[in-house]
């Protein structure tokens, strides 16, 4: 049984890790992580996500140490350096087999293909494992054998076809005999710019992720269906950052749900089944990225919308970024994003639709801004959400669906609690006035007038889409 190399990427855990379990079953294991800061920045990830990534690699190293698995660390800058780094490690340590878990966006697939070809040329076997999703892309398809482009039939097929084997947890490796290979020091991150978010709000490591899952299931999950849309309520799982980097797996989440829901995923407690659907949404967007690579090339899924005439409005975009649009719910959400690196999901829809419909600014500008700030930034989910809001994507909102920010505010933040927290200049206003501050008080409040009229903006957006 020769030495096995496990290449960690967005699967930073030792529990329920398909590639790690497979490697440990075939021989002693050594691990490697290739840090690609320049590539991540090219992909749009900002300091919050990269710092979280870095902290979780350090946590992974500690977990591997407990299993006597050394972690090799290489700084490669871009994906172009992956082939050289992996082949050198394979040669230096006489690796028998390389294991990794698949990633599905285009650049990651091209990187992996280059590494596989180089290893094959050297007579070294390598195995890619499907770990982040239940179904390998292409294995869950429509009656015509095509990739799904609408979520609801995808979800129905997912629930109908998912097997116990796909949901079973992978074995955690036993502690192996020490190897004569030492850990590499994990170099400090370069200056990424910006002000980092509160790290205490996002602790690193599998234990932190498992604790967050447990607290969600005990305290919030039963009411998730009713409370998840209210940003002033701590009603969501706040696991997205951990799922994005594979610090916890979808299987661990679903097993925990089934243990509380009589073994069911699609029926039973409404809060639990609603949350399961959110996990299935994450898988749906991974399939979309693989099956329709144009979305990874920053093109709209709905190809006819390429002709849509977006407005050049740098001032409007700046006001949106800074939370100065004059629509309190939009502004509070944007300030939450910039300050914490996270935004409530309902508000991601509201703010994205405001930029793309009210201001008629290209959704790709907002997509980039989100990814730059989000600690849970995941290309597939972020792109899918933005294209949904802009009515250019899969399962997209009809072009005539345009959220009224004030209505959204009164419905989902009825007492203006969320608004008052993030817009302290409006805190002294009566509850109802926080949703649309009286014009004659704006100067005193140091709060701007709305930068666009809702009715006029809606009419403008409808005309732009009708012109297609």
Protein backbone atom coordinates (compact mmCIF):
# COMPACT_ATOMS: atom_id res chain seq x y z
CA UNK A 1 0.00 0.00 0.00
CA UNK A 2 1.76 3.09 -1.30
CA UNK A 3 1.53 6.67 -0.12
CA UNK A 4 -1.68 8.51 -1.00
CA UNK A 5 -1.84 12.26 -1.62
CA UNK A 6 -5.04 14.16 -0.81
CA UNK A 7 -5.34 17.55 -2.48
CA UNK A 8 -7.59 19.77 -0.36
CA UNK A 9 -9.43 22.71 -1.94
CA UNK A 10 -12.97 23.68 -0.87
CA UNK A 11 -13.37 20.62 1.36
CA UNK A 12 -11.50 21.73 4.46
CA UNK A 13 -12.53 18.97 6.86
CA UNK A 14 -11.42 15.52 7.99
CA UNK A 15 -14.92 14.23 8.76
CA UNK A 16 -17.15 12.99 5.95
CA UNK A 17 -14.61 13.80 3.25
CA UNK A 18 -14.92 11.48 0.26
CA UNK A 19 -11.39 11.95 -1.12
CA UNK A 20 -9.76 11.62 2.31
CA UNK A 21 -11.76 8.50 3.20
CA UNK A 22 -10.90 6.86 -0.12
CA UNK A 23 -7.22 7.68 0.27
CA UNK A 24 -7.02 6.41 3.84
CA UNK A 25 -8.60 3.11 2.76
CA UNK A 26 -5.76 2.58 0.27
CA UNK A 27 -2.67 3.50 2.24
CA UNK A 28 -0.97 6.08 4.44
CA UNK A 29 -1.95 9.65 3.62
CA UNK A 30 -0.17 12.94 3.10
CA UNK A 31 -2.19 16.10 2.36
CA UNK A 32 -1.52 19.21 0.32
CA UNK A 33 -3.12 22.63 0.03
CA UNK A 34 -2.23 24.97 -2.83
CA UNK A 35 -2.95 28.59 -1.93
CA UNK A 36 -3.90 30.58 -5.01
CA UNK A 37 -4.50 34.10 -3.74
CA UNK A 38 -3.93 35.83 -7.07
CA UNK A 39 -6.35 33.44 -8.79
CA UNK A 40 -8.98 33.89 -6.10
CA UNK A 41 -8.72 37.64 -6.50
CA UNK A 42 -9.06 37.31 -10.28
CA UNK A 43 -12.24 35.37 -9.59
CA UNK A 44 -13.50 38.28 -7.53
CA UNK A 45 -13.06 37.00 -3.98
CA UNK A 46 -12.19 39.71 -1.48
CA UNK A 47 -10.36 39.88 1.82
CA UNK A 48 -13.23 38.48 3.91
CA UNK A 49 -13.48 35.20 2.00
CA UNK A 50 -9.71 34.77 1.52
CA UNK A 51 -8.97 35.40 5.19
CA UNK A 52 -11.67 32.89 6.20
CA UNK A 53 -10.15 30.41 3.75
CA UNK A 54 -6.71 30.96 5.29
CA UNK A 55 -7.94 30.53 8.86
CA UNK A 56 -9.70 27.30 7.98
CA UNK A 57 -6.61 25.85 6.34
CA UNK A 58 -4.83 26.43 9.64
CA UNK A 59 -7.68 24.67 11.45
CA UNK A 60 -7.50 21.80 8.96
CA UNK A 61 -3.80 21.45 9.63
CA UNK A 62 -4.50 20.93 13.35
CA UNK A 63 -7.14 18.30 12.59
CA UNK A 64 -4.79 16.46 10.25
CA UNK A 65 -1.99 16.62 12.81
CA UNK A 66 -4.21 14.73 15.24
CA UNK A 67 -4.37 11.94 12.64
CA UNK A 68 -0.61 12.05 11.94
CA UNK A 69 -1.34 13.28 8.42
CA UNK A 70 1.19 15.93 7.39
CA UNK A 71 -0.08 18.94 5.45
CA UNK A 72 2.15 20.26 2.71
CA UNK A 73 1.55 23.89 1.79
CA UNK A 74 2.44 25.64 -1.45
CA UNK A 75 1.83 29.23 -2.53
CA UNK A 76 1.22 29.04 -6.28
CA UNK A 77 -0.41 32.38 -7.04
CA UNK A 78 -2.61 31.17 -9.90
CA UNK A 79 -3.96 27.83 -11.04
CA UNK A 80 -1.22 27.70 -13.68
CA UNK A 81 1.15 26.64 -10.90
CA UNK A 82 -0.92 23.64 -9.79
CA UNK A 83 0.53 21.11 -12.22
CA UNK A 84 4.13 21.86 -11.28
CA UNK A 85 3.40 21.83 -7.55
CA UNK A 86 1.50 18.53 -7.57
CA UNK A 87 3.92 16.69 -9.86
CA UNK A 88 6.91 17.83 -7.80
CA UNK A 89 5.29 16.59 -4.58
CA UNK A 90 4.38 13.29 -6.23
CA UNK A 91 7.97 12.80 -7.38
CA UNK A 92 9.57 13.93 -4.11
CA UNK A 93 7.49 11.63 -1.91
CA UNK A 94 6.97 8.73 -4.31
CA UNK A 95 3.20 9.13 -4.23
CA UNK A 96 1.24 6.13 -5.53
CA UNK A 97 -2.11 7.84 -6.06
CA UNK A 98 -3.60 11.35 -5.89
CA UNK A 99 -7.14 12.00 -4.60
CA UNK A 100 -9.23 15.16 -4.76
CA UNK A 101 -12.86 16.23 -4.62
CA UNK A 102 -14.25 17.81 -7.76
CA UNK A 103 -14.99 21.49 -8.20
CA UNK A 104 -17.39 22.42 -10.99
CA UNK A 105 -16.68 25.94 -12.32
CA UNK A 106 -14.75 26.05 -15.59
CA UNK A 107 -11.33 27.29 -14.47
CA UNK A 108 -11.16 24.73 -11.68
CA UNK A 109 -12.05 21.94 -14.09
CA UNK A 110 -9.37 23.06 -16.55
CA UNK A 111 -6.80 23.16 -13.73
CA UNK A 112 -7.70 19.65 -12.66
CA UNK A 113 -7.58 18.31 -16.22
CA UNK A 114 -4.07 19.72 -16.69
CA UNK A 115 -2.91 18.08 -13.46
CA UNK A 116 -4.51 14.75 -14.39
CA UNK A 117 -2.85 14.74 -17.81
CA UNK A 118 0.55 15.50 -16.28
CA UNK A 119 0.16 12.73 -13.71
CA UNK A 120 -0.96 10.25 -16.37
CA UNK A 121 2.14 11.06 -18.41
CA UNK A 122 4.23 10.14 -15.39
CA UNK A 123 2.35 6.91 -14.78
CA UNK A 124 0.69 8.11 -11.57
CA UNK A 125 -3.00 7.40 -11.04
CA UNK A 126 -5.38 10.04 -9.78
CA UNK A 127 -9.01 9.95 -8.72
CA UNK A 128 -11.54 12.77 -8.60
CA UNK A 129 -14.49 12.24 -6.25
CA UNK A 130 -17.93 13.85 -6.25
CA UNK A 131 -18.22 15.10 -2.70
CA UNK A 132 -19.89 18.53 -2.64
CA UNK A 133 -23.04 17.35 -4.44
CA UNK A 134 -25.12 14.19 -4.40
CA UNK A 135 -25.31 13.75 -8.17
CA UNK A 136 -22.42 14.06 -10.58
CA UNK A 137 -23.23 16.65 -13.27
CA UNK A 138 -25.11 15.01 -16.11
CA UNK A 139 -26.44 12.09 -14.07
CA UNK A 140 -29.60 13.93 -13.04
CA UNK A 141 -31.26 15.08 -16.24
CA UNK A 142 -34.60 15.90 -17.83
CA UNK A 143 -36.63 13.45 -19.90
CA UNK A 144 -34.74 14.73 -22.94
CA UNK A 145 -31.42 13.94 -21.29
CA UNK A 146 -30.60 17.61 -20.76
CA UNK A 147 -29.45 19.58 -17.74
CA UNK A 148 -32.25 21.09 -15.70
CA UNK A 149 -32.74 24.81 -16.14
CA UNK A 150 -35.62 25.16 -13.66
CA UNK A 151 -35.24 24.41 -9.98
CA UNK A 152 -38.57 22.80 -9.09
CA UNK A 153 -38.32 19.79 -11.45
CA UNK A 154 -34.64 19.47 -10.49
CA UNK A 155 -35.58 19.31 -6.81
CA UNK A 156 -38.31 16.75 -7.48
CA UNK A 157 -35.86 14.56 -9.40
CA UNK A 158 -33.25 15.02 -6.67
CA UNK A 159 -35.61 13.83 -3.92
CA UNK A 160 -36.92 10.98 -6.07
CA UNK A 161 -33.51 9.60 -7.01
CA UNK A 162 -31.24 10.33 -4.07
CA UNK A 163 -30.03 7.14 -2.39
CA UNK A 164 -28.94 6.15 1.05
CA UNK A 165 -25.40 5.71 -0.25
CA UNK A 166 -25.32 9.31 -1.47
CA UNK A 167 -26.39 10.55 1.94
CA UNK A 168 -24.21 8.25 4.05
CA UNK A 169 -21.31 9.82 5.90
CA UNK A 170 -17.83 8.87 4.72
CA UNK A 171 -15.46 7.26 7.21
CA UNK A 172 -13.17 9.49 9.21
CA UNK A 173 -9.60 8.11 8.94
CA UNK A 174 -8.08 6.42 11.96
CA UNK A 175 -4.90 7.86 13.37
CA UNK A 176 -2.10 6.54 11.18
CA UNK A 177 1.51 5.78 12.03
CA UNK A 178 3.70 8.89 11.88
CA UNK A 179 5.37 9.53 8.53
CA UNK A 180 8.87 10.84 7.96
CA UNK A 181 7.34 13.89 6.27
CA UNK A 182 7.00 17.15 8.12
CA UNK A 183 4.34 19.82 7.87
CA UNK A 184 5.09 22.96 5.92
CA UNK A 185 4.59 26.30 7.61
CA UNK A 186 1.50 28.09 6.35
CA UNK A 187 2.75 31.47 5.20
CA UNK A 188 0.99 34.62 6.37
CA UNK A 189 -1.41 36.16 3.89
CA UNK A 190 -0.25 39.16 1.86
CA UNK A 191 -2.00 42.46 2.50
CA UNK A 192 -5.45 42.02 0.97
CA UNK A 193 -6.65 45.56 1.64
CA UNK A 194 -9.89 46.54 3.28
CA UNK A 195 -11.03 46.18 6.87
CA UNK A 196 -11.51 42.53 7.87
CA UNK A 197 -14.78 41.47 9.42
CA UNK A 198 -15.11 40.40 13.03
CA UNK A 199 -13.38 37.01 13.10
CA UNK A 200 -15.20 36.07 16.30
CA UNK A 201 -18.45 36.13 14.33
CA UNK A 202 -17.02 33.53 11.94
CA UNK A 203 -14.78 31.17 13.93
CA UNK A 204 -12.76 28.69 11.89
CA UNK A 205 -12.87 24.91 11.92
CA UNK A 206 -15.16 21.90 11.79
CA UNK A 207 -16.10 22.16 15.45
CA UNK A 208 -17.40 25.70 14.94
CA UNK A 209 -19.42 24.57 11.92
CA UNK A 210 -20.86 21.56 13.75
CA UNK A 211 -21.77 23.73 16.73
CA UNK A 212 -23.53 26.21 14.45
CA UNK A 213 -25.49 23.39 12.81
CA UNK A 214 -26.51 21.97 16.18
CA UNK A 215 -27.65 25.36 17.51
CA UNK A 216 -29.64 26.01 14.35
CA UNK A 217 -31.42 22.68 14.55
CA UNK A 218 -32.17 23.05 18.24
CA UNK A 219 -33.19 26.70 18.31
CA UNK A 220 -34.26 27.93 14.87
CA UNK A 221 -34.99 25.14 12.42
CA UNK A 222 -38.57 24.39 13.49
CA UNK A 223 -39.51 28.01 12.76
CA UNK A 224 -37.24 28.41 9.75
CA UNK A 225 -40.10 28.44 7.24
CA UNK A 226 -41.81 31.34 9.02
CA UNK A 227 -38.80 33.33 10.19
CA UNK A 228 -36.17 33.01 7.45
CA UNK A 229 -37.37 36.11 5.59
CA UNK A 230 -37.18 38.48 8.56
CA UNK A 231 -33.71 40.05 8.80
CA UNK A 232 -34.17 41.37 12.34
CA UNK A 233 -34.73 37.79 13.54
CA UNK A 234 -31.87 35.31 13.95
CA UNK A 235 -33.79 32.76 11.93
CA UNK A 236 -31.30 31.35 9.41
CA UNK A 237 -28.58 28.73 9.82
CA UNK A 238 -25.67 31.09 9.04
CA UNK A 239 -23.83 28.04 7.72
CA UNK A 240 -23.29 29.34 4.18
CA UNK A 241 -19.64 30.32 4.73
CA UNK A 242 -18.88 26.85 6.10
CA UNK A 243 -20.68 25.10 3.27
CA UNK A 244 -18.91 27.23 0.66
CA UNK A 245 -15.49 26.00 1.82
CA UNK A 246 -16.59 22.49 2.70
CA UNK A 247 -15.91 22.90 6.40
CA UNK A 248 -19.17 21.02 6.81
CA UNK A 249 -20.75 18.77 4.18
CA UNK A 250 -24.25 18.64 2.78
CA UNK A 251 -24.41 15.02 4.01
CA UNK A 252 -23.69 16.05 7.59
CA UNK A 253 -26.45 18.64 7.35
CA UNK A 254 -28.99 16.24 5.83
CA UNK A 255 -28.18 13.43 8.26
CA UNK A 256 -28.76 15.85 11.12
CA UNK A 257 -32.11 16.85 9.59
CA UNK A 258 -33.20 13.22 9.12
CA UNK A 259 -32.32 12.38 12.71
CA UNK A 260 -34.83 15.04 13.82
CA UNK A 261 -37.42 14.49 11.13
CA UNK A 262 -38.19 10.79 11.30
CA UNK A 263 -35.73 9.96 8.56
CA UNK A 264 -37.44 12.27 6.05
CA UNK A 265 -36.12 15.08 3.86
CA UNK A 266 -39.03 16.04 1.60
CA UNK A 267 -41.84 15.85 4.15
CA UNK A 268 -42.30 16.25 7.86
CA UNK A 269 -41.49 19.39 9.80
CA UNK A 270 -41.94 22.36 7.47
CA UNK A 271 -38.98 24.31 8.80
CA UNK A 272 -36.64 21.38 8.24
CA UNK A 273 -37.90 20.54 4.76
CA UNK A 274 -37.71 24.19 3.73
CA UNK A 275 -34.06 24.31 4.79
CA UNK A 276 -33.32 21.06 2.94
CA UNK A 277 -34.58 22.75 -0.21
CA UNK A 278 -32.02 25.51 0.31
CA UNK A 279 -29.28 22.88 0.29
CA UNK A 280 -30.71 21.43 -2.91
CA UNK A 281 -30.63 24.94 -4.43
CA UNK A 282 -26.88 25.00 -3.79
CA UNK A 283 -26.49 21.75 -5.72
CA UNK A 284 -28.72 23.02 -8.54
CA UNK A 285 -26.43 25.99 -9.15
CA UNK A 286 -23.38 23.69 -9.23
CA UNK A 287 -25.05 21.67 -11.99
CA UNK A 288 -25.91 24.86 -13.88
CA UNK A 289 -22.28 26.03 -13.78
CA UNK A 290 -21.16 22.70 -15.23
CA UNK A 291 -23.92 22.19 -17.78
CA UNK A 292 -24.13 25.79 -19.00
CA UNK A 293 -20.57 27.15 -18.85
CA UNK A 294 -21.64 30.45 -20.38
CA UNK A 295 -22.73 31.56 -16.91
CA UNK A 296 -19.13 31.08 -15.72
CA UNK A 297 -18.03 33.35 -18.56
CA UNK A 298 -20.17 36.16 -17.14
CA UNK A 299 -22.87 35.70 -19.76
CA UNK A 300 -26.59 35.59 -19.03
CA UNK A 301 -28.25 32.20 -18.94
CA UNK A 302 -31.22 33.60 -20.89
CA UNK A 303 -29.24 34.34 -24.03
CA UNK A 304 -31.74 36.80 -25.49
CA UNK A 305 -31.09 39.14 -22.54
CA UNK A 306 -27.60 39.85 -23.87
CA UNK A 307 -29.28 42.61 -25.87
CA UNK A 308 -30.72 44.32 -22.80
CA UNK A 309 -29.58 47.94 -22.62
CA UNK A 310 -28.19 48.49 -19.14
CA UNK A 311 -27.63 52.04 -17.91
CA UNK A 312 -24.21 53.57 -17.27
CA UNK A 313 -24.83 55.13 -13.87
CA UNK A 314 -21.70 55.29 -11.74
CA UNK A 315 -23.31 57.65 -9.23
CA UNK A 316 -26.26 55.35 -8.76
CA UNK A 317 -23.97 52.35 -8.37
CA UNK A 318 -21.87 54.22 -5.80
CA UNK A 319 -24.99 55.15 -3.82
CA UNK A 320 -26.10 51.51 -3.87
CA UNK A 321 -22.68 50.29 -2.71
CA UNK A 322 -22.55 52.79 0.13
CA UNK A 323 -26.13 52.33 1.32
CA UNK A 324 -27.25 55.82 0.30
CA UNK A 325 -30.13 55.11 -2.11
CA UNK A 326 -32.83 56.69 0.04
CA UNK A 327 -34.59 53.33 0.41
CA UNK A 328 -33.94 52.33 4.03
CA UNK A 329 -34.18 48.55 3.68
CA UNK A 330 -31.81 48.55 0.69
CA UNK A 331 -29.37 50.84 2.49
CA UNK A 332 -29.45 48.89 5.75
CA UNK A 333 -28.76 45.66 3.86
CA UNK A 334 -25.82 47.12 1.96
CA UNK A 335 -24.30 48.47 5.16
CA UNK A 336 -24.71 45.05 6.76
CA UNK A 337 -22.83 43.50 3.84
CA UNK A 338 -19.92 45.93 3.94
CA UNK A 339 -19.63 45.85 7.72
CA UNK A 340 -20.04 42.12 8.36
CA UNK A 341 -19.23 40.35 5.08
CA UNK A 342 -22.66 38.73 5.10
CA UNK A 343 -26.19 39.66 4.11
CA UNK A 344 -29.53 38.09 4.93
CA UNK A 345 -30.82 36.09 1.94
CA UNK A 346 -34.12 37.95 1.58
CA UNK A 347 -32.14 41.17 1.40
CA UNK A 348 -29.79 39.75 -1.23
CA UNK A 349 -32.85 39.43 -3.46
CA UNK A 350 -34.14 42.91 -2.58
CA UNK A 351 -30.83 44.70 -3.14
CA UNK A 352 -30.01 42.75 -6.31
CA UNK A 353 -33.39 43.50 -7.82
CA UNK A 354 -33.07 47.17 -6.85
CA UNK A 355 -29.77 47.51 -8.71
CA UNK A 356 -30.80 45.54 -11.77
CA UNK A 357 -34.42 46.72 -12.06
CA UNK A 358 -34.80 50.08 -10.30
CA UNK A 359 -31.46 51.44 -11.44
CA UNK A 360 -31.23 49.22 -14.53
CA UNK A 361 -27.52 48.73 -13.85
CA UNK A 362 -25.86 45.59 -15.21
CA UNK A 363 -26.27 42.77 -12.69
CA UNK A 364 -22.63 41.77 -13.22
CA UNK A 365 -21.48 44.90 -11.40
CA UNK A 366 -23.51 43.92 -8.36
CA UNK A 367 -22.44 40.29 -8.62
CA UNK A 368 -18.79 41.40 -8.44
CA UNK A 369 -19.44 43.72 -5.50
CA UNK A 370 -21.14 40.98 -3.54
CA UNK A 371 -18.38 38.46 -4.22
CA UNK A 372 -15.78 41.03 -3.21
CA UNK A 373 -17.36 41.44 0.23
CA UNK A 374 -19.10 38.15 1.06
CA UNK A 375 -17.37 35.83 3.51
CA UNK A 376 -19.61 33.07 2.13
CA UNK A 377 -18.90 34.02 -1.48
CA UNK A 378 -19.62 31.07 -3.76
CA UNK A 379 -19.53 31.76 -7.47
CA UNK A 380 -22.31 29.38 -8.47
CA UNK A 381 -24.82 30.47 -5.81
CA UNK A 382 -23.95 34.16 -6.15
CA UNK A 383 -24.26 34.10 -9.92
CA UNK A 384 -27.49 32.12 -9.76
CA UNK A 385 -29.03 34.52 -7.28
CA UNK A 386 -28.05 37.62 -9.21
CA UNK A 387 -29.31 36.27 -12.51
CA UNK A 388 -32.58 35.26 -10.85
CA UNK A 389 -33.09 38.80 -9.55
CA UNK A 390 -32.15 40.36 -12.88
CA UNK A 391 -34.47 38.01 -14.82
CA UNK A 392 -31.58 36.77 -16.96
CA UNK A 393 -30.94 33.39 -15.36
CA UNK A 394 -32.28 29.90 -14.76
CA UNK A 395 -35.65 29.79 -13.09
CA UNK A 396 -35.48 33.56 -13.25
CA UNK A 397 -38.03 35.90 -11.76
CA UNK A 398 -40.40 37.12 -14.51
CA UNK A 399 -39.11 40.43 -15.84
CA UNK A 400 -42.23 42.17 -14.59
CA UNK A 401 -41.56 41.03 -11.01
CA UNK A 402 -39.97 44.06 -9.43
CA UNK A 403 -39.90 44.21 -5.66
CA UNK A 404 -41.12 47.45 -4.13
CA UNK A 405 -38.42 48.08 -1.47
CA UNK A 406 -40.83 49.91 0.80
CA UNK A 407 -43.40 47.11 0.65
CA UNK A 408 -40.67 44.57 1.30
CA UNK A 409 -39.59 46.66 4.28
CA UNK A 410 -43.04 46.89 5.88
CA UNK A 411 -43.63 43.19 5.28
CA UNK A 412 -40.34 41.72 6.47
CA UNK A 413 -39.09 44.36 8.92
CA UNK A 414 -42.46 45.58 10.20
CA UNK A 415 -41.10 47.41 13.25
CA UNK A 416 -38.08 48.76 11.41
CA UNK A 417 -35.72 47.01 13.84
CA UNK A 418 -33.25 45.95 11.19
CA UNK A 419 -33.35 49.39 9.61
CA UNK A 420 -32.78 51.15 12.94
CA UNK A 421 -29.80 48.92 13.71
CA UNK A 422 -27.96 49.63 10.46
CA UNK A 423 -29.25 53.16 9.89
CA UNK A 424 -28.94 54.76 13.33
CA UNK A 425 -29.81 58.12 11.78
CA UNK A 426 -33.39 56.79 11.46
CA UNK A 427 -33.60 55.19 14.90
CA UNK A 428 -35.55 58.07 16.47
CA UNK A 429 -38.27 57.96 13.83
CA UNK A 430 -41.61 56.33 14.59
CA UNK A 431 -41.69 52.71 13.46
CA UNK A 432 -43.82 53.26 10.36
CA UNK A 433 -41.77 56.27 9.25
CA UNK A 434 -38.56 54.24 9.12
CA UNK A 435 -39.69 52.51 5.94
CA UNK A 436 -40.02 55.80 4.02
CA UNK A 437 -38.77 58.80 6.04
CA UNK A 438 -40.77 62.01 5.52
CA UNK A 439 -39.12 64.22 2.89
CA UNK A 440 -39.20 67.29 5.14
CA UNK A 441 -37.05 65.52 7.75
CA UNK A 442 -34.33 64.13 5.48
CA UNK A 443 -31.87 67.01 5.87
CA UNK A 444 -32.15 66.92 9.62
CA UNK A 445 -31.69 63.14 9.61
CA UNK A 446 -28.70 63.31 7.25
CA UNK A 447 -30.38 60.76 5.06
CA UNK A 448 -30.76 61.10 1.26
CA UNK A 449 -33.92 61.37 -0.77
CA UNK A 450 -34.72 58.31 -2.87
CA UNK A 451 -32.43 58.35 -5.90
CA UNK A 452 -35.20 57.00 -8.09
CA UNK A 453 -39.01 56.92 -7.96
CA UNK A 454 -40.33 53.36 -7.67
CA UNK A 455 -43.14 53.72 -10.20
CA UNK A 456 -40.95 55.48 -12.75
CA UNK A 457 -38.14 52.98 -12.28
CA UNK A 458 -40.52 50.06 -12.67
CA UNK A 459 -41.92 51.49 -15.90
CA UNK A 460 -38.39 52.04 -17.23
CA UNK A 461 -37.37 48.46 -16.45
CA UNK A 462 -40.49 47.04 -18.06
CA UNK A 463 -39.81 49.01 -21.24
CA UNK A 464 -36.22 47.79 -21.35
CA UNK A 465 -37.28 44.16 -21.07
CA UNK A 466 -40.18 44.54 -23.49
CA UNK A 467 -37.73 45.93 -26.05
CA UNK A 468 -36.10 42.51 -26.18
